[in-house]
C-alpha atoms as a PDB file:
ATOM      1  CA  SER A   1     -25.570  33.123   4.332  1.00  0.00           C
ATOM      2  CA  CYS A   2     -27.449  32.025   1.260  1.00  0.00           C
ATOM      3  CA  SER A   3     -26.360  31.163  -2.244  1.00  0.00           C
ATOM      4  CA  PRO A   4     -27.733  29.245  -5.222  1.00  0.00           C
ATOM      5  CA  ALA A   5     -27.542  25.452  -5.004  1.00  0.00           C
ATOM      6  CA  PRO A   6     -24.693  24.000  -7.038  1.00  0.00           C
ATOM      7  CA  THR A   7     -25.699  22.820 -10.487  1.00  0.00           C
ATOM      8  CA  CYS A   8     -23.272  19.889 -10.259  1.00  0.00           C
ATOM      9  CA  THR A   9     -23.092  18.182  -6.852  1.00  0.00           C
ATOM     10  CA  GLN A  10     -19.934  16.600  -5.459  1.00  0.00           C
ATOM     11  CA  VAL A  11     -19.522  12.860  -5.561  1.00  0.00           C
ATOM     12  CA  SER A  12     -19.658  11.189  -2.137  1.00  0.00           C
ATOM     13  CA  ASP A  13     -18.292   8.061  -0.439  1.00  0.00           C
ATOM     14  CA  LEU A  14     -14.979   8.183  -2.310  1.00  0.00           C
ATOM     15  CA  VAL A  15     -12.898   5.181  -1.222  1.00  0.00           C
ATOM     16  CA  VAL A  16      -9.766   3.295  -2.226  1.00  0.00           C
ATOM     17  CA  SER A  17     -10.745  -0.344  -1.818  1.00  0.00           C
ATOM     18  CA  THR A  18      -7.536  -2.072  -2.934  1.00  0.00           C
ATOM     19  CA  ALA A  19      -3.981  -0.886  -3.583  1.00  0.00           C
ATOM     20  CA  THR A  20      -1.258  -3.107  -5.029  1.00  0.00           C
ATOM     21  CA  GLY A  21       2.306  -2.187  -5.892  1.00  0.00           C
ATOM     22  CA  SER A  22       1.214  -0.415  -9.084  1.00  0.00           C
ATOM     23  CA  THR A  23      -2.580  -0.017  -9.024  1.00  0.00           C
ATOM     24  CA  ALA A  24      -5.414   1.342  -6.892  1.00  0.00           C
ATOM     25  CA  ASP A  25      -9.143   0.590  -7.155  1.00  0.00           C
ATOM     26  CA  ILE A  26     -11.320   3.623  -6.442  1.00  0.00           C
ATOM     27  CA  SER A  27     -15.102   4.010  -6.262  1.00  0.00           C
ATOM     28  CA  TRP A  28     -17.606   6.693  -5.293  1.00  0.00           C
ATOM     29  CA  THR A  29     -21.305   7.594  -5.309  1.00  0.00           C
ATOM     30  CA  ALA A  30     -22.564   9.744  -8.207  1.00  0.00           C
ATOM     31  CA  ASN A  31     -25.135  12.302  -7.057  1.00  0.00           C
ATOM     32  CA  ASN A  32     -26.203  13.898 -10.359  1.00  0.00           C
ATOM     33  CA  GLY A  33     -26.903  10.873 -12.516  1.00  0.00           C
ATOM     34  CA  GLU A  34     -23.695  11.805 -14.341  1.00  0.00           C
ATOM     35  CA  THR A  35     -21.607   9.296 -16.304  1.00  0.00           C
ATOM     36  CA  ALA A  36     -18.350  11.222 -16.563  1.00  0.00           C
ATOM     37  CA  TRP A  37     -15.768  12.197 -13.959  1.00  0.00           C
ATOM     38  CA  GLU A  38     -12.206  13.416 -13.548  1.00  0.00           C
ATOM     39  CA  TYR A  39      -9.629  12.156 -11.092  1.00  0.00           C
ATOM     40  CA  VAL A  40      -6.243  13.398  -9.904  1.00  0.00           C
ATOM     41  CA  ILE A  41      -3.636  11.141  -8.274  1.00  0.00           C
ATOM     42  CA  GLN A  42      -0.624  12.798  -6.630  1.00  0.00           C
ATOM     43  CA  ASN A  43       1.772  12.566  -3.704  1.00  0.00           C
ATOM     44  CA  GLN A  44       0.205  12.950  -0.280  1.00  0.00           C
ATOM     45  CA  GLY A  45       0.089  16.516   0.970  1.00  0.00           C
ATOM     46  CA  THR A  46       0.053  18.166  -2.476  1.00  0.00           C
ATOM     47  CA  GLY A  47      -3.382  19.646  -1.873  1.00  0.00           C
ATOM     48  CA  GLU A  48      -6.555  20.259  -3.851  1.00  0.00           C
ATOM     49  CA  PRO A  49      -5.982  20.212  -7.629  1.00  0.00           C
ATOM     50  CA  THR A  50      -5.864  23.525  -9.456  1.00  0.00           C
ATOM     51  CA  THR A  51      -6.109  22.086 -12.977  1.00  0.00           C
ATOM     52  CA  ALA A  52      -8.298  19.547 -14.758  1.00  0.00           C
ATOM     53  CA  GLY A  53      -7.867  15.870 -13.997  1.00  0.00           C
ATOM     54  CA  ALA A  54      -7.888  12.751 -16.148  1.00  0.00           C
ATOM     55  CA  GLY A  55     -11.301  12.044 -17.648  1.00  0.00           C
ATOM     56  CA  ILE A  56     -12.997   8.688 -16.930  1.00  0.00           C
ATOM     57  CA  THR A  57     -16.417   7.155 -17.591  1.00  0.00           C
ATOM     58  CA  THR A  58     -16.421   4.073 -15.334  1.00  0.00           C
ATOM     59  CA  ASN A  59     -17.143   3.660 -11.638  1.00  0.00           C
ATOM     60  CA  PRO A  60     -15.398   1.857  -9.988  1.00  0.00           C
ATOM     61  CA  TYR A  61     -12.097   2.596 -11.705  1.00  0.00           C
ATOM     62  CA  THR A  62      -8.589   1.106 -11.492  1.00  0.00           C
ATOM     63  CA  ILE A  63      -5.701   3.588 -11.526  1.00  0.00           C
ATOM     64  CA  THR A  64      -2.570   2.016 -13.008  1.00  0.00           C
ATOM     65  CA  GLY A  65       1.109   2.920 -13.396  1.00  0.00           C
ATOM     66  CA  LEU A  66       1.713   3.809  -9.734  1.00  0.00           C
ATOM     67  CA  ASP A  67       5.016   3.455  -7.903  1.00  0.00           C
ATOM     68  CA  SER A  68       5.290   0.800  -5.214  1.00  0.00           C
ATOM     69  CA  ALA A  69       5.588   1.639  -1.496  1.00  0.00           C
ATOM     70  CA  THR A  70       4.483   5.245  -2.153  1.00  0.00           C
ATOM     71  CA  GLU A  71       2.003   7.477  -0.306  1.00  0.00           C
ATOM     72  CA  TYR A  72      -0.655   8.944  -2.627  1.00  0.00           C
ATOM     73  CA  GLU A  73      -3.802  11.063  -2.390  1.00  0.00           C
ATOM     74  CA  VAL A  74      -6.680  10.902  -4.863  1.00  0.00           C
ATOM     75  CA  PHE A  75      -9.412  13.414  -5.769  1.00  0.00           C
ATOM     76  CA  VAL A  76     -12.525  12.866  -7.919  1.00  0.00           C
ATOM     77  CA  ARG A  77     -15.092  15.338  -9.287  1.00  0.00           C
ATOM     78  CA  ALA A  78     -18.279  14.964 -11.309  1.00  0.00           C
ATOM     79  CA  ILE A  79     -18.634  16.274 -14.861  1.00  0.00           C
ATOM     80  CA  CYS A  80     -22.255  17.196 -15.468  1.00  0.00           C
ATOM     81  CA  ASP A  81     -23.902  18.640 -18.578  1.00  0.00           C
ATOM     82  CA  GLY A  82     -21.462  20.369 -20.880  1.00  0.00           C
ATOM     83  CA  ASN A  83     -18.402  21.640 -18.995  1.00  0.00           C
ATOM     84  CA  ASP A  84     -20.182  21.968 -15.644  1.00  0.00           C
ATOM     85  CA  SER A  85     -18.042  20.281 -12.979  1.00  0.00           C
ATOM     86  CA  SER A  86     -18.507  19.751  -9.265  1.00  0.00           C
ATOM     87  CA  PRO A  87     -16.037  20.674  -6.537  1.00  0.00           C
ATOM     88  CA  TRP A  88     -13.346  18.076  -5.923  1.00  0.00           C
ATOM     89  CA  ARG A  89     -14.006  15.286  -3.440  1.00  0.00           C
ATOM     90  CA  GLY A  90     -10.895  14.266  -1.503  1.00  0.00           C
ATOM     91  CA  PRO A  91      -8.235  13.784  -0.598  1.00  0.00           C
ATOM     92  CA  VAL A  92      -8.400  10.069   0.156  1.00  0.00           C
ATOM     93  CA  ASN A  93      -4.964   8.897   1.246  1.00  0.00           C
ATOM     94  CA  PHE A  94      -3.492   5.456   0.611  1.00  0.00           C
ATOM     95  CA  THR A  95      -0.124   3.745   0.246  1.00  0.00           C
ATOM     96  CA  THR A  96       0.779   1.290  -2.486  1.00  0.00           C
ATOM     97  CA  SER A  97       2.255  -1.990  -1.358  1.00  0.00           C
ATOM     98  CA  TYR A  98       5.791  -3.225  -1.800  1.00  0.00           C
ATOM     99  CA  ALA A  99       6.421  -5.089  -5.037  1.00  0.00           C
ATOM    100  CA  CYS A 100       8.825  -7.633  -6.485  1.00  0.00           C
ATOM    101  CA  GLY A 101      12.299  -6.119  -6.721  1.00  0.00           C
ATOM    102  CA  ASP A 102      11.784  -3.688  -3.828  1.00  0.00           C
ATOM    103  CA  THR A 103      13.863  -3.664  -0.637  1.00  0.00           C
ATOM    104  CA  LEU A 104      11.963  -3.527   2.648  1.00  0.00           C
ATOM    105  CA  TYR A 105      13.763  -1.485   5.336  1.00  0.00           C
ATOM    106  CA  ASP A 106      12.892  -0.772   8.937  1.00  0.00           C
ATOM    107  CA  SER A 107      11.803   2.779   9.790  1.00  0.00           C
ATOM    108  CA  GLY A 108      15.430   3.928  10.078  1.00  0.00           C
ATOM    109  CA  GLY A 109      16.051   3.228   6.411  1.00  0.00           C
ATOM    110  CA  ALA A 110      19.298   1.872   5.026  1.00  0.00           C
ATOM    111  CA  THR A 111      21.549   3.549   7.613  1.00  0.00           C
ATOM    112  CA  GLY A 112      19.500   4.465  10.710  1.00  0.00           C
ATOM    113  CA  ASN A 113      18.000   2.570  13.629  1.00  0.00           C
ATOM    114  CA  TYR A 114      14.334   1.727  13.961  1.00  0.00           C
ATOM    115  CA  ALA A 115      12.302   3.435  16.728  1.00  0.00           C
ATOM    116  CA  ASN A 116      10.805   2.246  19.991  1.00  0.00           C
ATOM    117  CA  ASN A 117       7.153   1.175  20.225  1.00  0.00           C
ATOM    118  CA  GLU A 118       6.796   0.258  16.571  1.00  0.00           C
ATOM    119  CA  LEU A 119       4.260  -2.171  15.164  1.00  0.00           C
ATOM    120  CA  THR A 120       4.675  -2.623  11.422  1.00  0.00           C
ATOM    121  CA  THR A 121       2.741  -5.025   9.195  1.00  0.00           C
ATOM    122  CA  VAL A 122       3.568  -5.422   5.499  1.00  0.00           C
ATOM    123  CA  THR A 123       1.924  -7.839   3.049  1.00  0.00           C
ATOM    124  CA  VAL A 124       3.522  -8.430  -0.341  1.00  0.00           C
ATOM    125  CA  TYR A 125       1.758 -10.077  -3.273  1.00  0.00           C
ATOM    126  CA  PRO A 126       3.509 -11.286  -6.442  1.00  0.00           C
ATOM    127  CA  ASP A 127       3.190  -9.078  -9.512  1.00  0.00           C
ATOM    128  CA  THR A 128       2.136 -12.075 -11.616  1.00  0.00           C
ATOM    129  CA  ALA A 129      -0.583 -14.490 -10.560  1.00  0.00           C
ATOM    130  CA  GLY A 130       0.888 -17.906  -9.811  1.00  0.00           C
ATOM    131  CA  ASP A 131       4.300 -16.574  -8.749  1.00  0.00           C
ATOM    132  CA  LEU A 132       5.590 -16.837  -5.187  1.00  0.00           C
ATOM    133  CA  VAL A 133       7.093 -14.063  -3.058  1.00  0.00           C
ATOM    134  CA  THR A 134      10.500 -14.638  -1.438  1.00  0.00           C
ATOM    135  CA  PHE A 135      12.034 -12.605   1.399  1.00  0.00           C
ATOM    136  CA  THR A 136      15.860 -12.636   1.386  1.00  0.00           C
ATOM    137  CA  PHE A 137      17.328 -10.978   4.486  1.00  0.00           C
ATOM    138  CA  LEU A 138      20.373  -8.912   3.521  1.00  0.00           C
ATOM    139  CA  SER A 139      20.980  -7.670   7.079  1.00  0.00           C
ATOM    140  CA  PHE A 140      19.323  -8.234  10.443  1.00  0.00           C
ATOM    141  CA  GLU A 141      20.005  -6.751  13.893  1.00  0.00           C
ATOM    142  CA  THR A 142      17.288  -6.286  16.528  1.00  0.00           C
ATOM    143  CA  GLU A 143      17.305  -6.183  20.320  1.00  0.00           C
ATOM    144  CA  ALA A 144      17.351  -9.872  21.244  1.00  0.00           C
ATOM    145  CA  ASN A 145      14.215 -11.224  22.929  1.00  0.00           C
ATOM    146  CA  TYR A 146      12.476  -7.835  22.812  1.00  0.00           C
ATOM    147  CA  ASP A 147      12.250  -6.451  19.270  1.00  0.00           C
ATOM    148  CA  GLU A 148      10.837  -9.309  17.229  1.00  0.00           C
ATOM    149  CA  ILE A 149       9.627 -10.200  13.757  1.00  0.00           C
ATOM    150  CA  TRP A 150       7.076 -12.659  12.421  1.00  0.00           C
ATOM    151  CA  VAL A 151       6.646 -13.916   8.855  1.00  0.00           C
ATOM    152  CA  TYR A 152       3.355 -15.514   7.806  1.00  0.00           C
ATOM    153  CA  ASP A 153       2.797 -17.753   4.772  1.00  0.00           C
ATOM    154  CA  GLY A 154      -0.060 -15.811   3.224  1.00  0.00           C
ATOM    155  CA  PRO A 155      -1.866 -12.470   2.902  1.00  0.00           C
ATOM    156  CA  ASP A 156      -2.469 -11.784   6.618  1.00  0.00           C
ATOM    157  CA  THR A 157      -1.575 -12.798  10.162  1.00  0.00           C
ATOM    158  CA  ASN A 158      -4.165 -15.582  10.132  1.00  0.00           C
ATOM    159  CA  ALA A 159      -1.901 -17.550   7.798  1.00  0.00           C
ATOM    160  CA  THR A 160       0.576 -20.194   8.951  1.00  0.00           C
ATOM    161  CA  VAL A 161       3.510 -18.621  10.785  1.00  0.00           C
ATOM    162  CA  ILE A 162       6.922 -19.400   9.274  1.00  0.00           C
ATOM    163  CA  LEU A 163       9.147 -17.232  11.455  1.00  0.00           C
ATOM    164  CA  ASP A 164       7.890 -16.710  15.000  1.00  0.00           C
ATOM    165  CA  GLU A 165       9.101 -14.066  17.503  1.00  0.00           C
ATOM    166  CA  TYR A 166      12.515 -13.923  15.830  1.00  0.00           C
ATOM    167  CA  SER A 167      15.145 -11.456  17.078  1.00  0.00           C
ATOM    168  CA  GLY A 168      18.885 -10.985  17.552  1.00  0.00           C
ATOM    169  CA  SER A 169      21.700 -10.744  15.037  1.00  0.00           C
ATOM    170  CA  THR A 170      21.566 -14.029  13.084  1.00  0.00           C
ATOM    171  CA  ILE A 171      20.327 -13.421   9.538  1.00  0.00           C
ATOM    172  CA  PRO A 172      17.316 -15.668   8.792  1.00  0.00           C
ATOM    173  CA  ASP A 173      17.340 -17.991   5.796  1.00  0.00           C
ATOM    174  CA  PRO A 174      15.339 -16.909   2.729  1.00  0.00           C
ATOM    175  CA  ILE A 175      11.589 -17.457   3.072  1.00  0.00           C
ATOM    176  CA  THR A 176       9.329 -18.323   0.120  1.00  0.00           C
ATOM    177  CA  SER A 177       5.546 -18.371   0.170  1.00  0.00           C
ATOM    178  CA  SER A 178       3.673 -21.617  -0.429  1.00  0.00           C
ATOM    179  CA  HIS A 179       0.237 -19.989  -0.140  1.00  0.00           C
ATOM    180  CA  PRO A 180      -2.164 -20.058  -3.138  1.00  0.00           C
ATOM    181  CA  THR A 181      -1.979 -16.251  -3.313  1.00  0.00           C
ATOM    182  CA  GLY A 182       1.837 -16.351  -3.371  1.00  0.00           C
ATOM    183  CA  ALA A 183       1.873 -13.676  -0.649  1.00  0.00           C
ATOM    184  CA  LEU A 184       3.981 -13.244   2.481  1.00  0.00           C
ATOM    185  CA  THR A 185       3.113 -11.073   5.493  1.00  0.00           C
ATOM    186  CA  PHE A 186       5.832  -9.498   7.660  1.00  0.00           C
ATOM    187  CA  VAL A 187       5.322  -8.089  11.177  1.00  0.00           C
ATOM    188  CA  PHE A 188       7.844  -6.160  13.300  1.00  0.00           C
ATOM    189  CA  ASP A 189       7.188  -5.208  16.936  1.00  0.00           C
ATOM    190  CA  SER A 190       9.659  -3.178  19.022  1.00  0.00           C
ATOM    191  CA  ASP A 191       9.359  -2.509  22.752  1.00  0.00           C
ATOM    192  CA  PHE A 192       9.716   0.770  24.655  1.00  0.00           C
ATOM    193  CA  LEU A 193      13.479   0.696  25.285  1.00  0.00           C
ATOM    194  CA  GLY A 194      16.534   0.041  23.105  1.00  0.00           C
ATOM    195  CA  THR A 195      16.830  -0.003  19.328  1.00  0.00           C
ATOM    196  CA  ASP A 196      19.213  -1.373  16.722  1.00  0.00           C
ATOM    197  CA  SER A 197      20.020  -1.202  13.018  1.00  0.00           C
ATOM    198  CA  GLY A 198      17.010  -3.337  12.091  1.00  0.00           C
ATOM    199  CA  TYR A 199      16.472  -5.216   8.875  1.00  0.00           C
ATOM    200  CA  GLU A 200      16.963  -5.059   5.135  1.00  0.00           C
ATOM    201  CA  ILE A 201      14.879  -7.520   3.115  1.00  0.00           C
ATOM    202  CA  LEU A 202      15.065  -8.049  -0.643  1.00  0.00           C
ATOM    203  CA  ILE A 203      11.668  -8.923  -2.112  1.00  0.00           C
ATOM    204  CA  SER A 204      11.702 -11.185  -5.147  1.00  0.00           C
ATOM    205  CA  CYS A 205       9.115 -13.212  -7.041  1.00  0.00           C
ATOM    206  CA  SER A 206       9.374 -16.304  -9.193  1.00  0.00           C
ATOM    207  CA  PRO A 207       7.129 -19.052 -10.586  1.00  0.00           C
ATOM    208  CA  ALA A 208       6.180 -21.887  -8.270  1.00  0.00           C
ATOM    209  CA  PRO A 209       8.349 -24.975  -8.696  1.00  0.00           C
ATOM    210  CA  THR A 210       6.870 -27.641 -10.961  1.00  0.00           C
ATOM    211  CA  CYS A 211       8.177 -30.406  -8.704  1.00  0.00           C
END
């Protein structure tokens, strides 16, 4: 089939480069020389927007006011001359990170058991630069010697390990970051057989001690 070329071409290479507990950095490639765009941010699975989005004039752009530990999808479209707009580009899916004041649960939530064959990695940064993240374990029950957790003092698993291959029913002591970023990274790995009630971890943040 044949049809006229669009007068306003879609943006391309839409990506979410960084997502914190309340923000997401998005960028894209403009294909019309345009300097205006619209974006829509919504819960994953909502589908292509049917109304206008929020107007913006910068690329890249930081979306603010998001909820922590939430799955989102984002769409962007170009605004060309006048009211001529391109089709939407998207969705690009992402999940905001946990934030200070959140509670980190295993996949079973507050009341259920975690599943077999899980591998979960969560990194938490402080909301305020210079603060330190603390994990306080409110409950802990995993299959001893098989379903294990690790906690790393920093933003990834290359950081110094604080808690190594920990499992069982003894609740760990609180863990506070000493890394310059203030971040902690948590890893949970369950095997193929046997589950338990898992973990409940309160995430808090506070200034580094002066002494």
